[in-house]
């Protein structure tokens, strides 16, 4: 009986360590995605389609802060169109919470973005939820949902 309890405890500790490692890996992937986006905005031209393909599953859906759901090709198109218009982009990720469940994981965080679009300063506060799946040694984003605060909404719909 003692050996069975010891074995069960070792398995539990091992699973906790694996989950912790998975959660750190997912957090790193999300941070690297946003660092890559910052670099693309700074360059003003980049292969953002490839960048998106590196992090997202091709069947992923994005639920936008304005309440629409778009396929990944729409997200890519929107990013390509915005890229030359955005300057001085910066971001921070706050309150990151990642939970892994075997080959699946969820991440919740607040994305803050500050940038100029067509010379007009913008600041966004975007509570974000992502669902990721393990693909071999890597993780891919399969779903993303963003919300926005009142001030972000006002900026998007202000008449400049």
N, C-alpha and C. Protein backbone atom coordinates (compact mmCIF):
# COMPACT_ATOMS: atom_id res chain seq x y z
N UNK A 1 0.83 -1.19 0.00
CA UNK A 1 0.00 0.00 0.00
C UNK A 1 0.88 1.26 0.00
N UNK A 2 1.97 1.23 0.80
CA UNK A 2 2.87 2.39 0.86
C UNK A 2 3.45 2.68 -0.52
N UNK A 3 3.83 1.60 -1.23
CA UNK A 3 4.44 1.78 -2.54
C UNK A 3 3.43 2.36 -3.54
N UNK A 4 2.18 1.92 -3.44
CA UNK A 4 1.14 2.43 -4.34
C UNK A 4 0.91 3.92 -4.09
N UNK A 5 0.89 4.32 -2.83
CA UNK A 5 0.71 5.74 -2.50
C UNK A 5 1.91 6.57 -2.96
N UNK A 6 3.10 6.04 -2.79
CA UNK A 6 4.31 6.73 -3.24
C UNK A 6 4.31 6.88 -4.75
N UNK A 7 3.94 5.83 -5.46
CA UNK A 7 3.87 5.87 -6.92
C UNK A 7 2.81 6.88 -7.37
N UNK A 8 1.67 6.90 -6.73
CA UNK A 8 0.61 7.85 -7.07
C UNK A 8 1.09 9.29 -6.84
N UNK A 9 1.80 9.51 -5.75
CA UNK A 9 2.32 10.85 -5.46
C UNK A 9 3.34 11.27 -6.51
N UNK A 10 4.21 10.37 -6.92
CA UNK A 10 5.21 10.68 -7.95
C UNK A 10 4.54 11.00 -9.29
N UNK A 11 3.52 10.24 -9.65
CA UNK A 11 2.79 10.49 -10.90
C UNK A 11 2.12 11.86 -10.83
N UNK A 12 1.50 12.17 -9.70
CA UNK A 12 0.84 13.47 -9.53
C UNK A 12 1.83 14.61 -9.66
N UNK A 13 2.98 14.49 -9.02
CA UNK A 13 4.02 15.53 -9.12
C UNK A 13 4.51 15.66 -10.55
N UNK A 14 4.70 14.55 -11.23
CA UNK A 14 5.16 14.58 -12.62
C UNK A 14 4.13 15.27 -13.51
N UNK A 15 2.86 14.97 -13.31
CA UNK A 15 1.80 15.61 -14.12
C UNK A 15 1.76 17.12 -13.85
N UNK A 16 1.93 17.51 -12.60
CA UNK A 16 1.94 18.93 -12.26
C UNK A 16 3.11 19.64 -12.93
N UNK A 17 4.30 18.98 -12.95
CA UNK A 17 5.46 19.57 -13.60
C UNK A 17 5.24 19.70 -15.10
N UNK A 18 4.64 18.67 -15.73
CA UNK A 18 4.35 18.73 -17.17
C UNK A 18 3.38 19.86 -17.46
N UNK A 19 2.32 19.98 -16.65
CA UNK A 19 1.33 21.04 -16.86
C UNK A 19 1.97 22.40 -16.70
N UNK A 20 2.81 22.55 -15.68
CA UNK A 20 3.49 23.82 -15.46
C UNK A 20 4.37 24.18 -16.65
N UNK A 21 5.10 23.20 -17.18
CA UNK A 21 5.94 23.44 -18.35
C UNK A 21 5.08 23.81 -19.56
N UNK A 22 3.98 23.10 -19.78
CA UNK A 22 3.08 23.43 -20.88
C UNK A 22 2.55 24.85 -20.73
N UNK A 23 2.16 25.22 -19.54
CA UNK A 23 1.61 26.56 -19.32
C UNK A 23 2.66 27.63 -19.57
N UNK A 24 3.89 27.39 -19.19
CA UNK A 24 4.98 28.35 -19.48
C UNK A 24 5.23 28.43 -20.98
N UNK A 25 5.19 27.28 -21.67
CA UNK A 25 5.38 27.28 -23.12
C UNK A 25 4.28 28.05 -23.83
N UNK A 26 3.03 27.88 -23.42
CA UNK A 26 1.92 28.61 -24.02
C UNK A 26 2.09 30.11 -23.77
N UNK A 27 2.45 30.48 -22.56
CA UNK A 27 2.67 31.90 -22.26
C UNK A 27 3.78 32.47 -23.15
N UNK A 28 4.86 31.73 -23.33
CA UNK A 28 5.97 32.18 -24.17
C UNK A 28 5.51 32.35 -25.62
N UNK A 29 4.71 31.43 -26.12
CA UNK A 29 4.20 31.52 -27.49
C UNK A 29 3.38 32.79 -27.67
N UNK A 30 2.51 33.08 -26.72
CA UNK A 30 1.67 34.28 -26.82
C UNK A 30 2.53 35.54 -26.78
N UNK A 31 3.49 35.58 -25.90
CA UNK A 31 4.38 36.75 -25.84
C UNK A 31 5.19 36.89 -27.14
N UNK A 32 5.69 35.78 -27.66
CA UNK A 32 6.47 35.82 -28.91
C UNK A 32 5.61 36.28 -30.08
N UNK A 33 4.35 35.88 -30.11
CA UNK A 33 3.44 36.36 -31.16
C UNK A 33 3.37 37.88 -31.14
N UNK A 34 3.19 38.45 -29.97
CA UNK A 34 3.04 39.91 -29.88
C UNK A 34 4.36 40.64 -30.12
N UNK A 35 5.47 40.03 -29.75
CA UNK A 35 6.77 40.62 -30.08
C UNK A 35 6.96 40.62 -31.59
N UNK A 36 6.58 39.52 -32.25
CA UNK A 36 6.69 39.44 -33.71
C UNK A 36 5.80 40.48 -34.39
N UNK A 37 4.60 40.69 -33.87
CA UNK A 37 3.72 41.72 -34.42
C UNK A 37 4.32 43.11 -34.25
N UNK A 38 4.92 43.35 -33.09
CA UNK A 38 5.56 44.65 -32.86
C UNK A 38 6.69 44.87 -33.88
N UNK A 39 7.48 43.84 -34.12
CA UNK A 39 8.57 43.94 -35.10
C UNK A 39 8.02 44.19 -36.50
N UNK A 40 6.91 43.56 -36.84
CA UNK A 40 6.30 43.77 -38.16
C UNK A 40 5.82 45.21 -38.30
N UNK A 41 5.18 45.74 -37.27
CA UNK A 41 4.73 47.14 -37.32
C UNK A 41 5.91 48.10 -37.41
N UNK A 42 6.98 47.80 -36.70
CA UNK A 42 8.16 48.67 -36.74
C UNK A 42 8.79 48.67 -38.12
N UNK A 43 8.80 47.52 -38.78
CA UNK A 43 9.39 47.43 -40.12
C UNK A 43 8.49 48.09 -41.16
N UNK A 44 7.18 48.11 -40.89
CA UNK A 44 6.24 48.70 -41.84
C UNK A 44 5.90 47.79 -42.99
N UNK A 45 6.67 46.75 -43.13
CA UNK A 45 6.37 45.74 -44.16
C UNK A 45 6.97 44.43 -43.68
N UNK A 46 6.15 43.41 -43.72
CA UNK A 46 6.60 42.09 -43.29
C UNK A 46 5.63 41.08 -43.85
N UNK A 47 6.03 39.82 -43.85
CA UNK A 47 5.14 38.76 -44.30
C UNK A 47 4.25 38.38 -43.12
N UNK A 48 3.23 39.18 -42.90
CA UNK A 48 2.34 38.93 -41.77
C UNK A 48 1.49 37.68 -41.97
N UNK A 49 1.25 37.29 -43.22
CA UNK A 49 0.52 36.04 -43.45
C UNK A 49 1.30 34.86 -42.87
N UNK A 50 2.59 34.84 -43.12
CA UNK A 50 3.43 33.76 -42.59
C UNK A 50 3.49 33.84 -41.06
N UNK A 51 3.57 35.05 -40.54
CA UNK A 51 3.60 35.22 -39.09
C UNK A 51 2.34 34.62 -38.47
N UNK A 52 1.19 34.92 -39.04
CA UNK A 52 -0.07 34.38 -38.53
C UNK A 52 -0.07 32.85 -38.67
N UNK A 53 0.39 32.34 -39.81
CA UNK A 53 0.44 30.89 -40.01
C UNK A 53 1.34 30.19 -39.00
N UNK A 54 2.40 30.88 -38.55
CA UNK A 54 3.31 30.29 -37.57
C UNK A 54 2.63 30.06 -36.22
N UNK A 55 1.66 30.90 -35.87
CA UNK A 55 1.06 30.85 -34.54
C UNK A 55 -0.36 30.30 -34.50
N UNK A 56 -1.08 30.42 -35.61
CA UNK A 56 -2.50 30.04 -35.63
C UNK A 56 -2.73 28.80 -36.48
N UNK A 57 -3.70 27.99 -36.07
CA UNK A 57 -4.18 26.90 -36.89
C UNK A 57 -4.95 27.51 -38.06
N UNK A 58 -4.86 26.89 -39.23
CA UNK A 58 -5.50 27.47 -40.42
C UNK A 58 -7.02 27.55 -40.31
N UNK A 59 -7.62 26.77 -39.43
CA UNK A 59 -9.08 26.81 -39.26
C UNK A 59 -9.51 27.69 -38.08
N UNK A 60 -8.59 28.44 -37.50
CA UNK A 60 -8.90 29.26 -36.33
C UNK A 60 -9.90 30.36 -36.66
N UNK A 61 -10.70 30.68 -35.67
CA UNK A 61 -11.63 31.81 -35.76
C UNK A 61 -11.24 32.87 -34.75
N UNK A 62 -11.48 34.12 -35.14
CA UNK A 62 -11.20 35.25 -34.27
C UNK A 62 -12.52 35.97 -34.02
N UNK A 63 -12.95 36.03 -32.78
CA UNK A 63 -14.12 36.81 -32.41
C UNK A 63 -13.60 38.18 -32.02
N UNK A 64 -13.92 39.17 -32.83
CA UNK A 64 -13.38 40.52 -32.70
C UNK A 64 -14.03 41.27 -31.54
N UNK A 65 -13.37 42.32 -31.07
CA UNK A 65 -13.98 43.12 -30.00
C UNK A 65 -15.31 43.75 -30.41
N UNK A 66 -15.53 43.93 -31.71
CA UNK A 66 -16.78 44.54 -32.16
C UNK A 66 -17.85 43.49 -32.44
N UNK A 67 -17.58 42.23 -32.05
CA UNK A 67 -18.62 41.22 -32.02
C UNK A 67 -18.80 40.38 -33.26
N UNK A 68 -17.91 40.48 -34.22
CA UNK A 68 -18.01 39.62 -35.40
C UNK A 68 -17.03 38.47 -35.25
N UNK A 69 -17.31 37.41 -35.97
CA UNK A 69 -16.42 36.27 -36.00
C UNK A 69 -15.83 36.20 -37.39
N UNK A 70 -14.52 36.10 -37.49
CA UNK A 70 -13.90 36.07 -38.81
C UNK A 70 -12.94 34.90 -38.93
N UNK A 71 -12.86 34.39 -40.15
CA UNK A 71 -11.90 33.33 -40.43
C UNK A 71 -10.51 33.94 -40.50
N UNK A 72 -9.53 33.10 -40.43
CA UNK A 72 -8.15 33.56 -40.38
C UNK A 72 -7.75 34.37 -41.61
N UNK A 73 -8.26 34.03 -42.79
CA UNK A 73 -7.93 34.80 -43.99
C UNK A 73 -8.39 36.25 -43.88
N UNK A 74 -9.52 36.49 -43.22
CA UNK A 74 -9.99 37.87 -43.01
C UNK A 74 -9.07 38.61 -42.05
N UNK A 75 -8.61 37.92 -41.02
CA UNK A 75 -7.68 38.53 -40.08
C UNK A 75 -6.38 38.89 -40.79
N UNK A 76 -5.90 37.99 -41.63
CA UNK A 76 -4.67 38.26 -42.39
C UNK A 76 -4.84 39.48 -43.29
N UNK A 77 -5.96 39.55 -43.98
CA UNK A 77 -6.23 40.66 -44.89
C UNK A 77 -6.28 41.98 -44.12
N UNK A 78 -6.97 41.98 -42.99
CA UNK A 78 -7.07 43.20 -42.17
C UNK A 78 -5.69 43.63 -41.68
N UNK A 79 -4.86 42.68 -41.28
CA UNK A 79 -3.52 43.00 -40.81
C UNK A 79 -2.65 43.55 -41.93
N UNK A 80 -2.73 42.96 -43.12
CA UNK A 80 -1.97 43.47 -44.27
C UNK A 80 -2.35 44.92 -44.58
N UNK A 81 -3.65 45.22 -44.52
CA UNK A 81 -4.13 46.57 -44.83
C UNK A 81 -3.70 47.57 -43.76
N UNK A 82 -3.66 47.14 -42.50
CA UNK A 82 -3.31 48.05 -41.40
C UNK A 82 -1.82 48.30 -41.28
N UNK A 83 -1.02 47.33 -41.66
CA UNK A 83 0.42 47.38 -41.43
C UNK A 83 1.08 48.70 -41.87
N UNK A 84 0.86 49.19 -43.06
CA UNK A 84 1.54 50.43 -43.46
C UNK A 84 1.00 51.69 -42.79
N UNK A 85 -0.15 51.58 -42.15
CA UNK A 85 -0.77 52.75 -41.53
C UNK A 85 -0.41 52.92 -40.06
N UNK A 86 0.18 51.90 -39.45
CA UNK A 86 0.43 51.91 -38.01
C UNK A 86 1.90 52.21 -37.73
N UNK A 87 2.11 53.13 -36.80
CA UNK A 87 3.45 53.53 -36.37
C UNK A 87 3.51 53.56 -34.84
N UNK A 88 4.73 53.50 -34.34
CA UNK A 88 4.99 53.62 -32.89
C UNK A 88 4.17 52.62 -32.07
N UNK A 89 4.05 51.41 -32.58
CA UNK A 89 3.28 50.37 -31.91
C UNK A 89 4.04 49.85 -30.70
N UNK A 90 3.33 49.72 -29.60
CA UNK A 90 3.87 49.07 -28.41
C UNK A 90 2.73 48.31 -27.74
N UNK A 91 3.08 47.35 -26.91
CA UNK A 91 2.08 46.53 -26.24
C UNK A 91 2.57 46.11 -24.88
N UNK A 92 1.64 45.71 -24.05
CA UNK A 92 1.96 45.01 -22.82
C UNK A 92 0.89 43.95 -22.60
N UNK A 93 1.30 42.90 -21.94
CA UNK A 93 0.38 41.81 -21.60
C UNK A 93 0.29 41.78 -20.09
N UNK A 94 -0.94 41.87 -19.60
CA UNK A 94 -1.18 41.91 -18.16
C UNK A 94 -2.06 40.75 -17.72
N UNK A 95 -1.89 40.35 -16.49
CA UNK A 95 -2.76 39.36 -15.83
C UNK A 95 -2.88 38.05 -16.60
N UNK A 96 -1.77 37.58 -17.15
CA UNK A 96 -1.77 36.32 -17.92
C UNK A 96 -2.11 35.15 -17.01
N UNK A 97 -3.11 34.39 -17.41
CA UNK A 97 -3.49 33.16 -16.72
C UNK A 97 -3.62 32.06 -17.76
N UNK A 98 -2.79 31.03 -17.64
CA UNK A 98 -2.79 29.93 -18.59
C UNK A 98 -3.12 28.64 -17.83
N UNK A 99 -3.98 27.85 -18.42
CA UNK A 99 -4.31 26.53 -17.88
C UNK A 99 -4.15 25.53 -19.02
N UNK A 100 -3.45 24.44 -18.73
CA UNK A 100 -3.29 23.39 -19.75
C UNK A 100 -4.04 22.15 -19.31
N UNK A 101 -4.52 21.42 -20.32
CA UNK A 101 -5.32 20.23 -20.09
C UNK A 101 -4.88 19.18 -21.10
N UNK A 102 -3.74 18.57 -20.89
CA UNK A 102 -3.24 17.58 -21.84
C UNK A 102 -2.79 18.26 -23.12
N UNK A 103 -3.50 18.01 -24.22
CA UNK A 103 -3.14 18.61 -25.50
C UNK A 103 -3.92 19.89 -25.79
N UNK A 104 -4.59 20.44 -24.79
CA UNK A 104 -5.32 21.69 -24.93
C UNK A 104 -4.91 22.68 -23.85
N UNK A 105 -5.11 23.95 -24.14
CA UNK A 105 -4.79 24.98 -23.15
C UNK A 105 -5.67 26.20 -23.41
N UNK A 106 -5.94 26.94 -22.35
CA UNK A 106 -6.61 28.23 -22.46
C UNK A 106 -5.70 29.29 -21.87
N UNK A 107 -5.81 30.47 -22.41
CA UNK A 107 -5.04 31.60 -21.89
C UNK A 107 -5.96 32.81 -21.82
N UNK A 108 -5.93 33.49 -20.71
CA UNK A 108 -6.64 34.75 -20.56
C UNK A 108 -5.62 35.81 -20.18
N UNK A 109 -5.72 36.96 -20.80
CA UNK A 109 -4.85 38.07 -20.47
C UNK A 109 -5.47 39.36 -20.97
N UNK A 110 -4.93 40.46 -20.50
CA UNK A 110 -5.33 41.77 -21.01
C UNK A 110 -4.19 42.27 -21.89
N UNK A 111 -4.53 42.55 -23.14
CA UNK A 111 -3.57 43.11 -24.09
C UNK A 111 -3.79 44.61 -24.14
N UNK A 112 -2.74 45.34 -23.83
CA UNK A 112 -2.79 46.80 -24.00
C UNK A 112 -1.94 47.14 -25.21
N UNK A 113 -2.52 47.91 -26.10
CA UNK A 113 -1.82 48.33 -27.31
C UNK A 113 -1.85 49.85 -27.40
N UNK A 114 -0.70 50.42 -27.70
CA UNK A 114 -0.59 51.85 -27.95
C UNK A 114 0.10 52.03 -29.28
N UNK A 115 -0.45 52.89 -30.13
CA UNK A 115 0.11 53.08 -31.46
C UNK A 115 -0.49 54.33 -32.09
N UNK A 116 0.05 54.68 -33.24
CA UNK A 116 -0.54 55.74 -34.05
C UNK A 116 -1.01 55.10 -35.34
N UNK A 117 -2.25 55.41 -35.70
CA UNK A 117 -2.77 54.97 -36.99
C UNK A 117 -3.07 56.24 -37.78
N UNK A 118 -2.43 56.34 -38.92
CA UNK A 118 -2.54 57.55 -39.75
C UNK A 118 -2.22 58.81 -38.92
N UNK A 119 -1.27 58.68 -38.00
CA UNK A 119 -0.82 59.80 -37.19
C UNK A 119 -1.67 60.09 -35.96
N UNK A 120 -2.75 59.37 -35.76
CA UNK A 120 -3.64 59.59 -34.62
C UNK A 120 -3.34 58.56 -33.54
N UNK A 121 -3.09 59.04 -32.32
CA UNK A 121 -2.76 58.14 -31.21
C UNK A 121 -3.96 57.31 -30.80
N UNK A 122 -3.68 56.04 -30.54
CA UNK A 122 -4.70 55.11 -30.08
C UNK A 122 -4.15 54.33 -28.89
N UNK A 123 -5.02 54.00 -27.97
CA UNK A 123 -4.68 53.14 -26.85
C UNK A 123 -5.83 52.16 -26.65
N UNK A 124 -5.52 50.88 -26.60
CA UNK A 124 -6.57 49.88 -26.47
C UNK A 124 -6.33 48.99 -25.26
N UNK A 125 -7.40 48.62 -24.64
CA UNK A 125 -7.43 47.71 -23.51
C UNK A 125 -8.29 46.54 -23.95
N UNK A 126 -7.68 45.37 -24.20
CA UNK A 126 -8.37 44.26 -24.83
C UNK A 126 -8.29 42.98 -24.01
N UNK A 127 -9.29 42.71 -23.16
CA UNK A 127 -9.33 41.40 -22.51
C UNK A 127 -9.40 40.33 -23.60
N UNK A 128 -8.53 39.34 -23.50
CA UNK A 128 -8.35 38.36 -24.57
C UNK A 128 -8.37 36.94 -24.01
N UNK A 129 -9.07 36.06 -24.69
CA UNK A 129 -9.06 34.64 -24.36
C UNK A 129 -8.61 33.88 -25.60
N UNK A 130 -7.67 32.97 -25.42
CA UNK A 130 -7.21 32.12 -26.51
C UNK A 130 -7.37 30.66 -26.10
N UNK A 131 -7.67 29.85 -27.10
CA UNK A 131 -7.68 28.39 -26.93
C UNK A 131 -6.59 27.86 -27.84
N UNK A 132 -5.73 27.01 -27.30
CA UNK A 132 -4.61 26.46 -28.06
C UNK A 132 -4.65 24.94 -28.01
N UNK A 133 -4.11 24.33 -29.06
CA UNK A 133 -3.96 22.87 -29.12
C UNK A 133 -2.51 22.53 -29.36
N UNK A 134 -2.07 21.46 -28.72
CA UNK A 134 -0.71 20.97 -28.94
C UNK A 134 -0.65 20.31 -30.32
N UNK A 135 0.37 20.67 -31.07
CA UNK A 135 0.61 20.07 -32.38
C UNK A 135 2.05 19.59 -32.39
N UNK A 136 2.23 18.33 -32.05
CA UNK A 136 3.59 17.79 -31.92
C UNK A 136 4.29 18.46 -30.75
N UNK A 137 5.38 19.13 -31.04
CA UNK A 137 6.16 19.82 -30.01
C UNK A 137 5.67 21.25 -29.78
N UNK A 138 4.80 21.75 -30.65
CA UNK A 138 4.37 23.15 -30.60
C UNK A 138 2.91 23.28 -30.21
N UNK A 139 2.48 24.51 -30.03
CA UNK A 139 1.09 24.84 -29.75
C UNK A 139 0.60 25.76 -30.86
N UNK A 140 -0.66 25.61 -31.24
CA UNK A 140 -1.29 26.48 -32.23
C UNK A 140 -2.55 27.09 -31.62
N UNK A 141 -2.78 28.35 -31.93
CA UNK A 141 -4.00 29.02 -31.49
C UNK A 141 -5.13 28.54 -32.40
N UNK A 142 -6.21 28.05 -31.80
CA UNK A 142 -7.35 27.56 -32.58
C UNK A 142 -8.56 28.48 -32.44
N UNK A 143 -8.55 29.35 -31.44
CA UNK A 143 -9.66 30.28 -31.24
C UNK A 143 -9.15 31.47 -30.42
N UNK A 144 -9.61 32.65 -30.78
CA UNK A 144 -9.27 33.85 -30.01
C UNK A 144 -10.52 34.70 -29.90
N UNK A 145 -10.74 35.25 -28.73
CA UNK A 145 -11.90 36.11 -28.47
C UNK A 145 -11.40 37.34 -27.71
N UNK A 146 -11.72 38.50 -28.26
CA UNK A 146 -11.33 39.75 -27.61
C UNK A 146 -12.55 40.58 -27.28
N UNK A 147 -12.45 41.29 -26.17
CA UNK A 147 -13.43 42.30 -25.78
C UNK A 147 -12.71 43.63 -25.76
N UNK A 148 -13.45 44.68 -25.50
CA UNK A 148 -12.82 46.00 -25.41
C UNK A 148 -13.52 46.83 -24.35
N UNK A 149 -12.79 47.79 -23.81
CA UNK A 149 -13.37 48.69 -22.84
C UNK A 149 -14.05 49.86 -23.55
N UNK A 150 -14.76 50.67 -22.79
CA UNK A 150 -15.52 51.80 -23.33
C UNK A 150 -14.63 52.79 -24.08
N UNK A 151 -13.46 53.08 -23.53
CA UNK A 151 -12.56 54.05 -24.17
C UNK A 151 -12.06 53.55 -25.52
N UNK A 152 -11.76 52.27 -25.63
CA UNK A 152 -11.34 51.70 -26.91
C UNK A 152 -12.46 51.85 -27.94
N UNK A 153 -13.69 51.55 -27.52
CA UNK A 153 -14.84 51.70 -28.41
C UNK A 153 -14.97 53.14 -28.90
N UNK A 154 -14.83 54.08 -27.98
CA UNK A 154 -14.96 55.49 -28.36
C UNK A 154 -13.91 55.87 -29.40
N UNK A 155 -12.69 55.39 -29.24
CA UNK A 155 -11.63 55.71 -30.21
C UNK A 155 -11.94 55.13 -31.59
N UNK A 156 -12.45 53.90 -31.60
CA UNK A 156 -12.72 53.25 -32.89
C UNK A 156 -13.81 53.96 -33.67
N UNK A 157 -14.77 54.52 -32.94
CA UNK A 157 -15.92 55.11 -33.63
C UNK A 157 -15.93 56.63 -33.62
N UNK A 158 -14.87 57.23 -33.12
CA UNK A 158 -14.78 58.70 -33.14
C UNK A 158 -14.59 59.16 -34.58
N UNK A 159 -15.20 60.26 -34.90
CA UNK A 159 -15.00 60.84 -36.23
C UNK A 159 -13.81 61.78 -36.16
N UNK A 160 -12.79 61.42 -36.92
CA UNK A 160 -11.55 62.21 -36.91
C UNK A 160 -11.60 63.26 -37.99
